[in-house]
Amino acid sequence: MSRIDESMEFIPVRIAVLTVSDTRLLDQDRSGQTLVDRIEGAGHTVAARQILPDERDQIAAQLRAWCADPEIDVVISTGGTGLTGRDVTVEAHRDVYEKEIDAFGTVFTIVSMNKIGTSAVQSRATGGVANGTYLFALPGSPGACKDAWDEILAKQLDYRHRPCNFVEIFPRLDEHHRRK
């Protein structure tokens, strides 16, 4: 079973938050604010925050820019993961991924099933890695952001989490780019 090893030192992670919405402004962004509050509450740093419209090219460009920024370790987006024609966040993420974290979507679905039942099938939450940066796409509801953070990301982004976590393999995420 997973646990936090309190004898280890906490390592803060620098996280960018992207809200994908055609209509929201910063003061109306409850999902993004939910993530910001939880990120900071856990002792991590919000390295950047932005709202973009549901435009695949713009979303992918922002993800790539943040992946190229050495001051950002993780990008979490919220919104645009559903099934409607304007929901293109998942496609934008996959345009950027070098590797997809397949189990992230599966685990998110399990967490969601416990909260919202079969409505969980309408979410396409996803995770991946690009240029040594983790990327996660979450649904646009505050509840989904809360569940993803509390049940998955808070643990996996805590270096003290055992038996393993995302933070401990940061140094190896881009090893394929290094000269042999």
C-alpha atoms as a PDB file:
ATOM      1  CA  MET A   1       0.000   0.000   0.000  1.00  0.00           C
ATOM      2  CA  SER A   2       1.182   3.519  -0.707  1.00  0.00           C
ATOM      3  CA  ARG A   3       2.412   5.779   2.061  1.00  0.00           C
ATOM      4  CA  ILE A   4       4.368   8.962   2.766  1.00  0.00           C
ATOM      5  CA  ASP A   5       7.776   8.376   4.357  1.00  0.00           C
ATOM      6  CA  GLU A   6       7.929  11.270   6.838  1.00  0.00           C
ATOM      7  CA  SER A   7      11.636  10.633   7.484  1.00  0.00           C
ATOM      8  CA  MET A   8      12.444  11.911   3.976  1.00  0.00           C
ATOM      9  CA  GLU A   9      12.745  15.571   2.990  1.00  0.00           C
ATOM     10  CA  PHE A  10       9.903  17.095   0.942  1.00  0.00           C
ATOM     11  CA  ILE A  11      10.983  18.387  -2.487  1.00  0.00           C
ATOM     12  CA  PRO A  12       8.754  21.159  -3.896  1.00  0.00           C
ATOM     13  CA  VAL A  13       7.822  20.883  -7.578  1.00  0.00           C
ATOM     14  CA  ARG A  14       7.214  23.844  -9.939  1.00  0.00           C
ATOM     15  CA  ILE A  15       3.816  23.482 -11.590  1.00  0.00           C
ATOM     16  CA  ALA A  16       2.118  25.461 -14.368  1.00  0.00           C
ATOM     17  CA  VAL A  17      -1.694  25.546 -14.489  1.00  0.00           C
ATOM     18  CA  LEU A  18      -3.525  25.950 -17.785  1.00  0.00           C
ATOM     19  CA  THR A  19      -7.284  26.432 -17.943  1.00  0.00           C
ATOM     20  CA  VAL A  20      -8.842  25.707 -21.321  1.00  0.00           C
ATOM     21  CA  SER A  21     -12.071  27.623 -21.811  1.00  0.00           C
ATOM     22  CA  ASP A  22     -13.723  29.794 -24.423  1.00  0.00           C
ATOM     23  CA  THR A  23     -15.649  31.720 -21.765  1.00  0.00           C
ATOM     24  CA  ARG A  24     -13.829  31.880 -18.412  1.00  0.00           C
ATOM     25  CA  LEU A  25     -11.743  34.731 -17.075  1.00  0.00           C
ATOM     26  CA  LEU A  26      -9.245  34.401 -14.225  1.00  0.00           C
ATOM     27  CA  ASP A  27     -11.705  35.584 -11.559  1.00  0.00           C
ATOM     28  CA  GLN A  28     -14.240  32.958 -12.754  1.00  0.00           C
ATOM     29  CA  ASP A  29     -11.766  30.091 -13.015  1.00  0.00           C
ATOM     30  CA  ARG A  30     -12.873  27.856 -10.153  1.00  0.00           C
ATOM     31  CA  SER A  31     -11.128  24.741 -11.522  1.00  0.00           C
ATOM     32  CA  GLY A  32      -7.797  26.479 -12.033  1.00  0.00           C
ATOM     33  CA  GLN A  33      -8.094  28.070  -8.587  1.00  0.00           C
ATOM     34  CA  THR A  34      -8.853  24.677  -7.054  1.00  0.00           C
ATOM     35  CA  LEU A  35      -5.569  23.408  -8.495  1.00  0.00           C
ATOM     36  CA  VAL A  36      -3.620  26.509  -7.418  1.00  0.00           C
ATOM     37  CA  ASP A  37      -4.946  26.210  -3.851  1.00  0.00           C
ATOM     38  CA  ARG A  38      -4.059  22.527  -3.642  1.00  0.00           C
ATOM     39  CA  ILE A  39      -0.636  22.924  -5.273  1.00  0.00           C
ATOM     40  CA  GLU A  40       0.348  25.701  -2.879  1.00  0.00           C
ATOM     41  CA  GLY A  41      -1.275  23.947   0.068  1.00  0.00           C
ATOM     42  CA  ALA A  42       0.918  20.913  -0.581  1.00  0.00           C
ATOM     43  CA  GLY A  43       4.064  23.070  -0.516  1.00  0.00           C
ATOM     44  CA  HIS A  44       4.706  23.182  -4.264  1.00  0.00           C
ATOM     45  CA  THR A  45       5.130  26.314  -6.390  1.00  0.00           C
ATOM     46  CA  VAL A  46       2.707  27.616  -9.021  1.00  0.00           C
ATOM     47  CA  ALA A  47       5.273  28.580 -11.663  1.00  0.00           C
ATOM     48  CA  ALA A  48       2.770  29.920 -14.225  1.00  0.00           C
ATOM     49  CA  ARG A  49      -0.950  30.190 -14.836  1.00  0.00           C
ATOM     50  CA  GLN A  50      -2.876  30.950 -18.002  1.00  0.00           C
ATOM     51  CA  ILE A  51      -6.294  30.642 -19.626  1.00  0.00           C
ATOM     52  CA  LEU A  52      -6.525  29.732 -23.307  1.00  0.00           C
ATOM     53  CA  PRO A  53      -9.467  29.098 -25.637  1.00  0.00           C
ATOM     54  CA  ASP A  54     -10.319  25.612 -26.908  1.00  0.00           C
ATOM     55  CA  GLU A  55      -7.877  25.853 -29.818  1.00  0.00           C
ATOM     56  CA  ARG A  56      -5.666  22.828 -30.349  1.00  0.00           C
ATOM     57  CA  ASP A  57      -2.703  24.701 -31.849  1.00  0.00           C
ATOM     58  CA  GLN A  58      -2.681  27.348 -29.102  1.00  0.00           C
ATOM     59  CA  ILE A  59      -2.900  24.732 -26.355  1.00  0.00           C
ATOM     60  CA  ALA A  60      -0.099  22.624 -27.859  1.00  0.00           C
ATOM     61  CA  ALA A  61       2.096  25.712 -28.340  1.00  0.00           C
ATOM     62  CA  GLN A  62       1.669  26.688 -24.679  1.00  0.00           C
ATOM     63  CA  LEU A  63       2.403  23.141 -23.517  1.00  0.00           C
ATOM     64  CA  ARG A  64       5.576  23.083 -25.647  1.00  0.00           C
ATOM     65  CA  ALA A  65       6.670  26.481 -24.315  1.00  0.00           C
ATOM     66  CA  TRP A  66       6.239  25.353 -20.725  1.00  0.00           C
ATOM     67  CA  CYS A  67       8.028  22.057 -21.445  1.00  0.00           C
ATOM     68  CA  ALA A  68      10.975  24.094 -22.772  1.00  0.00           C
ATOM     69  CA  ASP A  69      11.054  26.278 -19.643  1.00  0.00           C
ATOM     70  CA  PRO A  70      13.583  24.919 -17.104  1.00  0.00           C
ATOM     71  CA  GLU A  71      11.575  26.606 -14.315  1.00  0.00           C
ATOM     72  CA  ILE A  72       8.558  24.319 -14.913  1.00  0.00           C
ATOM     73  CA  ASP A  73       8.530  20.649 -13.891  1.00  0.00           C
ATOM     74  CA  VAL A  74       4.848  19.809 -14.346  1.00  0.00           C
ATOM     75  CA  VAL A  75       1.935  21.197 -16.382  1.00  0.00           C
ATOM     76  CA  ILE A  76      -1.643  20.556 -15.316  1.00  0.00           C
ATOM     77  CA  SER A  77      -4.454  21.639 -17.606  1.00  0.00           C
ATOM     78  CA  THR A  78      -8.132  21.712 -16.776  1.00  0.00           C
ATOM     79  CA  GLY A  79     -10.957  21.761 -19.299  1.00  0.00           C
ATOM     80  CA  GLY A  80     -11.511  20.501 -22.813  1.00  0.00           C
ATOM     81  CA  THR A  81     -11.297  16.785 -22.043  1.00  0.00           C
ATOM     82  CA  GLY A  82     -14.900  15.905 -22.831  1.00  0.00           C
ATOM     83  CA  LEU A  83     -16.575  14.611 -25.955  1.00  0.00           C
ATOM     84  CA  THR A  84     -17.913  17.743 -27.629  1.00  0.00           C
ATOM     85  CA  GLY A  85     -16.510  19.166 -30.837  1.00  0.00           C
ATOM     86  CA  ARG A  86     -14.687  21.990 -29.023  1.00  0.00           C
ATOM     87  CA  ASP A  87     -12.997  19.611 -26.553  1.00  0.00           C
ATOM     88  CA  VAL A  88      -9.487  19.396 -28.039  1.00  0.00           C
ATOM     89  CA  THR A  89      -7.228  19.490 -24.984  1.00  0.00           C
ATOM     90  CA  VAL A  90      -6.481  15.762 -25.075  1.00  0.00           C
ATOM     91  CA  GLU A  91      -5.496  15.964 -28.741  1.00  0.00           C
ATOM     92  CA  ALA A  92      -3.256  18.973 -28.018  1.00  0.00           C
ATOM     93  CA  HIS A  93      -1.580  17.099 -25.166  1.00  0.00           C
ATOM     94  CA  ARG A  94      -0.992  14.070 -27.369  1.00  0.00           C
ATOM     95  CA  ASP A  95       0.529  16.334 -30.035  1.00  0.00           C
ATOM     96  CA  VAL A  96       3.195  17.191 -27.453  1.00  0.00           C
ATOM     97  CA  TYR A  97       3.762  13.911 -25.555  1.00  0.00           C
ATOM     98  CA  GLU A  98       6.889  11.883 -26.106  1.00  0.00           C
ATOM     99  CA  LYS A  99       5.388   9.172 -23.897  1.00  0.00           C
ATOM    100  CA  GLU A 100       1.856   8.791 -22.617  1.00  0.00           C
ATOM    101  CA  ILE A 101       1.245   7.732 -19.014  1.00  0.00           C
ATOM    102  CA  ASP A 102      -1.543   5.323 -19.919  1.00  0.00           C
ATOM    103  CA  ALA A 103      -2.416   4.367 -16.354  1.00  0.00           C
ATOM    104  CA  PHE A 104      -3.111   7.985 -15.360  1.00  0.00           C
ATOM    105  CA  GLY A 105      -6.387   8.020 -17.306  1.00  0.00           C
ATOM    106  CA  THR A 106      -7.289   4.592 -15.972  1.00  0.00           C
ATOM    107  CA  VAL A 107      -6.644   5.518 -12.353  1.00  0.00           C
ATOM    108  CA  PHE A 108      -8.519   8.796 -12.814  1.00  0.00           C
ATOM    109  CA  THR A 109     -11.494   6.846 -14.179  1.00  0.00           C
ATOM    110  CA  ILE A 110     -11.439   4.559 -11.124  1.00  0.00           C
ATOM    111  CA  VAL A 111     -11.352   7.575  -8.786  1.00  0.00           C
ATOM    112  CA  SER A 112     -14.181   9.214 -10.779  1.00  0.00           C
ATOM    113  CA  MET A 113     -16.318   6.068 -10.767  1.00  0.00           C
ATOM    114  CA  ASN A 114     -16.272   6.164  -6.965  1.00  0.00           C
ATOM    115  CA  LYS A 115     -17.506   9.777  -7.043  1.00  0.00           C
ATOM    116  CA  ILE A 116     -19.797  10.126 -10.080  1.00  0.00           C
ATOM    117  CA  GLY A 117     -20.518   6.572 -11.182  1.00  0.00           C
ATOM    118  CA  THR A 118     -20.785   5.776 -14.861  1.00  0.00           C
ATOM    119  CA  SER A 119     -20.609   9.463 -15.808  1.00  0.00           C
ATOM    120  CA  ALA A 120     -16.843   8.920 -15.513  1.00  0.00           C
ATOM    121  CA  VAL A 121     -16.876   7.457 -19.044  1.00  0.00           C
ATOM    122  CA  GLN A 122     -17.345  10.972 -20.441  1.00  0.00           C
ATOM    123  CA  SER A 123     -13.905  12.121 -19.276  1.00  0.00           C
ATOM    124  CA  ARG A 124     -10.726  11.680 -21.275  1.00  0.00           C
ATOM    125  CA  ALA A 125      -8.199  12.656 -18.611  1.00  0.00           C
ATOM    126  CA  THR A 126      -4.676  11.940 -19.771  1.00  0.00           C
ATOM    127  CA  GLY A 127      -1.060  12.245 -18.716  1.00  0.00           C
ATOM    128  CA  GLY A 128       2.277  12.156 -20.461  1.00  0.00           C
ATOM    129  CA  VAL A 129       5.879  13.281 -20.561  1.00  0.00           C
ATOM    130  CA  ALA A 130       7.636  15.664 -22.959  1.00  0.00           C
ATOM    131  CA  ASN A 131      11.093  17.224 -22.736  1.00  0.00           C
ATOM    132  CA  GLY A 132      11.512  16.066 -19.139  1.00  0.00           C
ATOM    133  CA  THR A 133       8.202  17.632 -18.055  1.00  0.00           C
ATOM    134  CA  TYR A 134       5.085  15.853 -16.819  1.00  0.00           C
ATOM    135  CA  LEU A 135       1.790  16.936 -18.411  1.00  0.00           C
ATOM    136  CA  PHE A 136      -1.695  16.115 -17.131  1.00  0.00           C
ATOM    137  CA  ALA A 137      -5.058  17.032 -18.678  1.00  0.00           C
ATOM    138  CA  LEU A 138      -7.988  17.090 -16.251  1.00  0.00           C
ATOM    139  CA  PRO A 139     -11.683  17.757 -16.772  1.00  0.00           C
ATOM    140  CA  GLY A 140     -12.911  21.312 -16.278  1.00  0.00           C
ATOM    141  CA  SER A 141     -14.877  20.859 -13.071  1.00  0.00           C
ATOM    142  CA  PRO A 142     -13.532  21.825  -9.640  1.00  0.00           C
ATOM    143  CA  GLY A 143     -14.581  18.397  -8.328  1.00  0.00           C
ATOM    144  CA  ALA A 144     -12.581  16.564 -10.979  1.00  0.00           C
ATOM    145  CA  CYS A 145      -9.540  18.754 -10.275  1.00  0.00           C
ATOM    146  CA  LYS A 146      -9.902  18.114  -6.552  1.00  0.00           C
ATOM    147  CA  ASP A 147     -10.205  14.358  -7.074  1.00  0.00           C
ATOM    148  CA  ALA A 148      -7.254  14.143  -9.471  1.00  0.00           C
ATOM    149  CA  TRP A 149      -5.051  16.182  -7.159  1.00  0.00           C
ATOM    150  CA  ASP A 150      -6.089  14.610  -3.855  1.00  0.00           C
ATOM    151  CA  GLU A 151      -6.212  11.001  -5.030  1.00  0.00           C
ATOM    152  CA  ILE A 152      -3.372  10.849  -7.585  1.00  0.00           C
ATOM    153  CA  LEU A 153      -1.173  13.885  -8.166  1.00  0.00           C
ATOM    154  CA  ALA A 154      -0.603  14.943  -4.547  1.00  0.00           C
ATOM    155  CA  LYS A 155       0.860  11.516  -3.909  1.00  0.00           C
ATOM    156  CA  GLN A 156       2.793  11.043  -7.140  1.00  0.00           C
ATOM    157  CA  LEU A 157       4.283  14.553  -6.956  1.00  0.00           C
ATOM    158  CA  ASP A 158       5.514  13.987  -3.396  1.00  0.00           C
ATOM    159  CA  TYR A 159       9.077  12.659  -3.331  1.00  0.00           C
ATOM    160  CA  ARG A 160       8.346  10.926  -0.013  1.00  0.00           C
ATOM    161  CA  HIS A 161       5.585   8.759  -1.495  1.00  0.00           C
ATOM    162  CA  ARG A 162       6.388   5.060  -1.413  1.00  0.00           C
ATOM    163  CA  PRO A 163       6.868   2.664  -3.047  1.00  0.00           C
ATOM    164  CA  CYS A 164       7.536   5.096  -5.941  1.00  0.00           C
ATOM    165  CA  ASN A 165       6.610   8.511  -7.329  1.00  0.00           C
ATOM    166  CA  PHE A 166       7.043  10.781 -10.340  1.00  0.00           C
ATOM    167  CA  VAL A 167       9.534  13.114  -8.631  1.00  0.00           C
ATOM    168  CA  GLU A 168      12.245  10.516  -8.060  1.00  0.00           C
ATOM    169  CA  ILE A 169      12.518   9.818 -11.793  1.00  0.00           C
ATOM    170  CA  PHE A 170      12.716  13.470 -12.929  1.00  0.00           C
ATOM    171  CA  PRO A 171      16.448  13.157 -13.656  1.00  0.00           C
ATOM    172  CA  ARG A 172      15.822  10.243 -16.017  1.00  0.00           C
ATOM    173  CA  LEU A 173      12.859  11.588 -18.009  1.00  0.00           C
ATOM    174  CA  ASP A 174      15.023  13.118 -20.702  1.00  0.00           C
ATOM    175  CA  GLU A 175      17.977  10.715 -20.600  1.00  0.00           C
ATOM    176  CA  HIS A 176      17.291   9.673 -24.204  1.00  0.00           C
ATOM    177  CA  HIS A 177      18.209  13.221 -25.295  1.00  0.00           C
ATOM    178  CA  ARG A 178      21.657  13.058 -23.747  1.00  0.00           C
ATOM    179  CA  ARG A 179      24.717  12.237 -25.816  1.00  0.00           C
ATOM    180  CA  LYS A 180      25.865   8.666 -25.276  1.00  0.00           C
END
